[in-house]
PDB file of N, CA and C in Angstrom:
ATOM      1  N   MET A   1      16.751  24.145  -4.078  1.00  0.00           N
ATOM      2  CA  MET A   1      18.132  24.468  -4.317  1.00  0.00           C
ATOM      3  C   MET A   1      18.476  24.387  -5.812  1.00  0.00           C
ATOM      4  N   GLU A   2      18.022  23.327  -6.470  1.00  0.00           N
ATOM      5  CA  GLU A   2      18.278  23.196  -7.904  1.00  0.00           C
ATOM      6  C   GLU A   2      17.652  24.333  -8.687  1.00  0.00           C
ATOM      7  N   GLU A   3      16.488  24.782  -8.270  1.00  0.00           N
ATOM      8  CA  GLU A   3      15.825  25.877  -8.985  1.00  0.00           C
ATOM      9  C   GLU A   3      16.643  27.161  -8.889  1.00  0.00           C
ATOM     10  N   ASN A   4      17.244  27.412  -7.718  1.00  0.00           N
ATOM     11  CA  ASN A   4      18.103  28.597  -7.568  1.00  0.00           C
ATOM     12  C   ASN A   4      19.326  28.497  -8.467  1.00  0.00           C
ATOM     13  N   GLU A   5      19.927  27.317  -8.525  1.00  0.00           N
ATOM     14  CA  GLU A   5      21.094  27.107  -9.374  1.00  0.00           C
ATOM     15  C   GLU A   5      20.718  27.285 -10.839  1.00  0.00           C
ATOM     16  N   ARG A   6      19.576  26.747 -11.218  1.00  0.00           N
ATOM     17  CA  ARG A   6      19.096  26.865 -12.597  1.00  0.00           C
ATOM     18  C   ARG A   6      18.884  28.325 -12.965  1.00  0.00           C
ATOM     19  N   THR A   7      18.236  29.067 -12.089  1.00  0.00           N
ATOM     20  CA  THR A   7      17.970  30.486 -12.334  1.00  0.00           C
ATOM     21  C   THR A   7      19.276  31.264 -12.453  1.00  0.00           C
ATOM     22  N   HIS A   8      20.225  30.970 -11.574  1.00  0.00           N
ATOM     23  CA  HIS A   8      21.511  31.662 -11.604  1.00  0.00           C
ATOM     24  C   HIS A   8      22.259  31.394 -12.916  1.00  0.00           C
ATOM     25  N   ILE A   9      22.296  30.137 -13.335  1.00  0.00           N
ATOM     26  CA  ILE A   9      22.963  29.789 -14.589  1.00  0.00           C
ATOM     27  C   ILE A   9      22.278  30.475 -15.766  1.00  0.00           C
ATOM     28  N   LEU A  10      20.951  30.472 -15.781  1.00  0.00           N
ATOM     29  CA  LEU A  10      20.220  31.136 -16.864  1.00  0.00           C
ATOM     30  C   LEU A  10      20.514  32.631 -16.895  1.00  0.00           C
ATOM     31  N   ASN A  11      20.593  33.260 -15.741  1.00  0.00           N
ATOM     32  CA  ASN A  11      20.907  34.694 -15.692  1.00  0.00           C
ATOM     33  C   ASN A  11      22.300  34.977 -16.249  1.00  0.00           C
ATOM     34  N   VAL A  12      23.257  34.166 -15.871  1.00  0.00           N
ATOM     35  CA  VAL A  12      24.617  34.354 -16.374  1.00  0.00           C
ATOM     36  C   VAL A  12      24.669  34.103 -17.879  1.00  0.00           C
ATOM     37  N   LEU A  13      23.992  33.069 -18.348  1.00  0.00           N
ATOM     38  CA  LEU A  13      23.965  32.795 -19.782  1.00  0.00           C
ATOM     39  C   LEU A  13      23.338  33.952 -20.559  1.00  0.00           C
ATOM     40  N   ASN A  14      22.299  34.538 -20.002  1.00  0.00           N
ATOM     41  CA  ASN A  14      21.682  35.695 -20.658  1.00  0.00           C
ATOM     42  C   ASN A  14      22.664  36.851 -20.766  1.00  0.00           C
ATOM     43  N   LYS A  15      23.414  37.098 -19.708  1.00  0.00           N
ATOM     44  CA  LYS A  15      24.402  38.185 -19.713  1.00  0.00           C
ATOM     45  C   LYS A  15      25.524  37.920 -20.707  1.00  0.00           C
ATOM     46  N   CYS A  16      25.806  36.647 -20.955  1.00  0.00           N
ATOM     47  CA  CYS A  16      26.887  36.258 -21.878  1.00  0.00           C
ATOM     48  C   CYS A  16      26.363  35.992 -23.290  1.00  0.00           C
ATOM     49  N   ASP A  17      25.116  36.342 -23.553  1.00  0.00           N
ATOM     50  CA  ASP A  17      24.488  36.079 -24.853  1.00  0.00           C
ATOM     51  C   ASP A  17      24.565  34.602 -25.236  1.00  0.00           C
ATOM     52  N   GLY A  18      24.459  33.727 -24.241  1.00  0.00           N
ATOM     53  CA  GLY A  18      24.436  32.299 -24.493  1.00  0.00           C
ATOM     54  C   GLY A  18      25.801  31.657 -24.658  1.00  0.00           C
ATOM     55  N   ARG A  19      26.845  32.439 -24.572  1.00  0.00           N
ATOM     56  CA  ARG A  19      28.202  31.903 -24.742  1.00  0.00           C
ATOM     57  C   ARG A  19      28.613  31.120 -23.496  1.00  0.00           C
ATOM     58  N   ILE A  20      29.095  29.916 -23.704  1.00  0.00           N
ATOM     59  CA  ILE A  20      29.509  29.062 -22.592  1.00  0.00           C
ATOM     60  C   ILE A  20      31.021  29.123 -22.394  1.00  0.00           C
ATOM     61  N   ARG A  21      31.758  29.088 -23.479  1.00  0.00           N
ATOM     62  CA  ARG A  21      33.225  29.021 -23.419  1.00  0.00           C
ATOM     63  C   ARG A  21      33.867  30.375 -23.696  1.00  0.00           C
ATOM     64  N   GLY A  22      35.145  30.472 -23.402  1.00  0.00           N
ATOM     65  CA  GLY A  22      35.926  31.658 -23.720  1.00  0.00           C
ATOM     66  C   GLY A  22      35.977  32.666 -22.577  1.00  0.00           C
ATOM     67  N   GLU A  23      36.717  33.734 -22.808  1.00  0.00           N
ATOM     68  CA  GLU A  23      36.922  34.765 -21.787  1.00  0.00           C
ATOM     69  C   GLU A  23      35.620  35.435 -21.352  1.00  0.00           C
ATOM     70  N   GLN A  24      34.697  35.579 -22.255  1.00  0.00           N
ATOM     71  CA  GLN A  24      33.411  36.217 -21.946  1.00  0.00           C
ATOM     72  C   GLN A  24      32.301  35.195 -21.730  1.00  0.00           C
ATOM     73  N   GLY A  25      32.676  33.931 -21.569  1.00  0.00           N
ATOM     74  CA  GLY A  25      31.691  32.864 -21.436  1.00  0.00           C
ATOM     75  C   GLY A  25      31.184  32.675 -20.019  1.00  0.00           C
ATOM     76  N   ALA A  26      30.050  32.035 -19.927  1.00  0.00           N
ATOM     77  CA  ALA A  26      29.403  31.802 -18.630  1.00  0.00           C
ATOM     78  C   ALA A  26      30.256  30.924 -17.717  1.00  0.00           C
ATOM     79  N   ALA A  27      30.950  29.947 -18.279  1.00  0.00           N
ATOM     80  CA  ALA A  27      31.763  29.058 -17.451  1.00  0.00           C
ATOM     81  C   ALA A  27      32.862  29.838 -16.737  1.00  0.00           C
ATOM     82  N   LYS A  28      33.482  30.767 -17.426  1.00  0.00           N
ATOM     83  CA  LYS A  28      34.540  31.590 -16.819  1.00  0.00           C
ATOM     84  C   LYS A  28      33.961  32.429 -15.681  1.00  0.00           C
ATOM     85  N   ILE A  29      32.821  33.030 -15.900  1.00  0.00           N
ATOM     86  CA  ILE A  29      32.177  33.868 -14.882  1.00  0.00           C
ATOM     87  C   ILE A  29      31.767  33.022 -13.667  1.00  0.00           C
ATOM     88  N   LEU A  30      31.268  31.834 -13.931  1.00  0.00           N
ATOM     89  CA  LEU A  30      30.828  30.949 -12.847  1.00  0.00           C
ATOM     90  C   LEU A  30      31.993  30.232 -12.164  1.00  0.00           C
ATOM     91  N   GLY A  31      33.162  30.285 -12.780  1.00  0.00           N
ATOM     92  CA  GLY A  31      34.339  29.655 -12.177  1.00  0.00           C
ATOM     93  C   GLY A  31      34.363  28.142 -12.285  1.00  0.00           C
ATOM     94  N   VAL A  32      33.788  27.630 -13.363  1.00  0.00           N
ATOM     95  CA  VAL A  32      33.787  26.183 -13.587  1.00  0.00           C
ATOM     96  C   VAL A  32      34.266  25.906 -15.015  1.00  0.00           C
ATOM     97  N   PRO A  33      34.791  24.701 -15.251  1.00  0.00           N
ATOM     98  CA  PRO A  33      35.160  24.337 -16.618  1.00  0.00           C
ATOM     99  C   PRO A  33      33.911  24.283 -17.509  1.00  0.00           C
ATOM    100  N   PRO A  34      34.054  24.597 -18.794  1.00  0.00           N
ATOM    101  CA  PRO A  34      32.897  24.547 -19.701  1.00  0.00           C
ATOM    102  C   PRO A  34      32.209  23.184 -19.722  1.00  0.00           C
ATOM    103  N   THR A  35      32.976  22.118 -19.592  1.00  0.00           N
ATOM    104  CA  THR A  35      32.366  20.780 -19.595  1.00  0.00           C
ATOM    105  C   THR A  35      31.491  20.569 -18.367  1.00  0.00           C
ATOM    106  N   THR A  36      31.911  21.112 -17.235  1.00  0.00           N
ATOM    107  CA  THR A  36      31.112  21.014 -16.011  1.00  0.00           C
ATOM    108  C   THR A  36      29.818  21.804 -16.167  1.00  0.00           C
ATOM    109  N   LEU A  37      29.926  22.992 -16.730  1.00  0.00           N
ATOM    110  CA  LEU A  37      28.729  23.809 -16.955  1.00  0.00           C
ATOM    111  C   LEU A  37      27.776  23.086 -17.900  1.00  0.00           C
ATOM    112  N   ALA A  38      28.304  22.517 -18.967  1.00  0.00           N
ATOM    113  CA  ALA A  38      27.454  21.786 -19.911  1.00  0.00           C
ATOM    114  C   ALA A  38      26.743  20.624 -19.222  1.00  0.00           C
ATOM    115  N   SER A  39      27.447  19.909 -18.345  1.00  0.00           N
ATOM    116  CA  SER A  39      26.834  18.796 -17.602  1.00  0.00           C
ATOM    117  C   SER A  39      25.739  19.291 -16.670  1.00  0.00           C
ATOM    118  N   LYS A  40      26.012  20.401 -15.971  1.00  0.00           N
ATOM    119  CA  LYS A  40      25.005  20.972 -15.069  1.00  0.00           C
ATOM    120  C   LYS A  40      23.778  21.416 -15.857  1.00  0.00           C
ATOM    121  N   MET A  41      24.003  22.031 -17.018  1.00  0.00           N
ATOM    122  CA  MET A  41      22.886  22.471 -17.855  1.00  0.00           C
ATOM    123  C   MET A  41      22.030  21.277 -18.267  1.00  0.00           C
ATOM    124  N   LEU A  42      22.676  20.197 -18.653  1.00  0.00           N
ATOM    125  CA  LEU A  42      21.946  18.983 -19.037  1.00  0.00           C
ATOM    126  C   LEU A  42      21.139  18.453 -17.864  1.00  0.00           C
ATOM    127  N   LYS A  43      21.774  18.386 -16.692  1.00  0.00           N
ATOM    128  CA  LYS A  43      21.110  17.880 -15.481  1.00  0.00           C
ATOM    129  C   LYS A  43      19.908  18.743 -15.101  1.00  0.00           C
ATOM    130  N   LEU A  44      20.048  20.072 -15.280  1.00  0.00           N
ATOM    131  CA  LEU A  44      18.988  20.997 -14.889  1.00  0.00           C
ATOM    132  C   LEU A  44      17.966  21.253 -16.001  1.00  0.00           C
ATOM    133  N   GLY A  45      18.158  20.608 -17.143  1.00  0.00           N
ATOM    134  CA  GLY A  45      17.217  20.756 -18.242  1.00  0.00           C
ATOM    135  C   GLY A  45      17.312  22.091 -18.958  1.00  0.00           C
ATOM    136  N   ILE A  46      18.484  22.697 -18.953  1.00  0.00           N
ATOM    137  CA  ILE A  46      18.686  23.971 -19.647  1.00  0.00           C
ATOM    138  C   ILE A  46      19.180  23.662 -21.047  1.00  0.00           C
ATOM    139  N   LYS A  47      18.412  24.078 -22.040  1.00  0.00           N
ATOM    140  CA  LYS A  47      18.808  23.882 -23.429  1.00  0.00           C
ATOM    141  C   LYS A  47      19.222  25.227 -24.018  1.00  0.00           C
ATOM    142  N   ARG A  48      19.960  25.182 -25.066  1.00  0.00           N
ATOM    143  CA  ARG A  48      20.503  26.408 -25.662  1.00  0.00           C
ATOM    144  C   ARG A  48      19.415  27.417 -26.027  1.00  0.00           C
ATOM    145  N   ASN A  49      18.238  26.972 -26.322  1.00  0.00           N
ATOM    146  CA  ASN A  49      17.177  27.908 -26.713  1.00  0.00           C
ATOM    147  C   ASN A  49      16.384  28.455 -25.532  1.00  0.00           C
ATOM    148  N   HIS A  50      16.770  28.129 -24.294  1.00  0.00           N
ATOM    149  CA  HIS A  50      16.053  28.604 -23.104  1.00  0.00           C
ATOM    150  C   HIS A  50      16.476  29.988 -22.651  1.00  0.00           C
ATOM    151  N   TYR A  51      17.547  30.504 -23.156  1.00  0.00           N
ATOM    152  CA  TYR A  51      18.052  31.785 -22.657  1.00  0.00           C
ATOM    153  C   TYR A  51      18.166  32.813 -23.709  1.00  0.00           C
TER     154      TYR A  51
END
């Protein structure tokens, strides 16, 4: 399950050119606050240079 979530977040980050915040950011697309996305990324081992 975590691997699916990780893959999904990475795909969205790729589409957003790595942007987490703002109108075109991954957090907005995923429907979560940017701080929540950042926490999930940390938990899943996603670093800014992975996407």
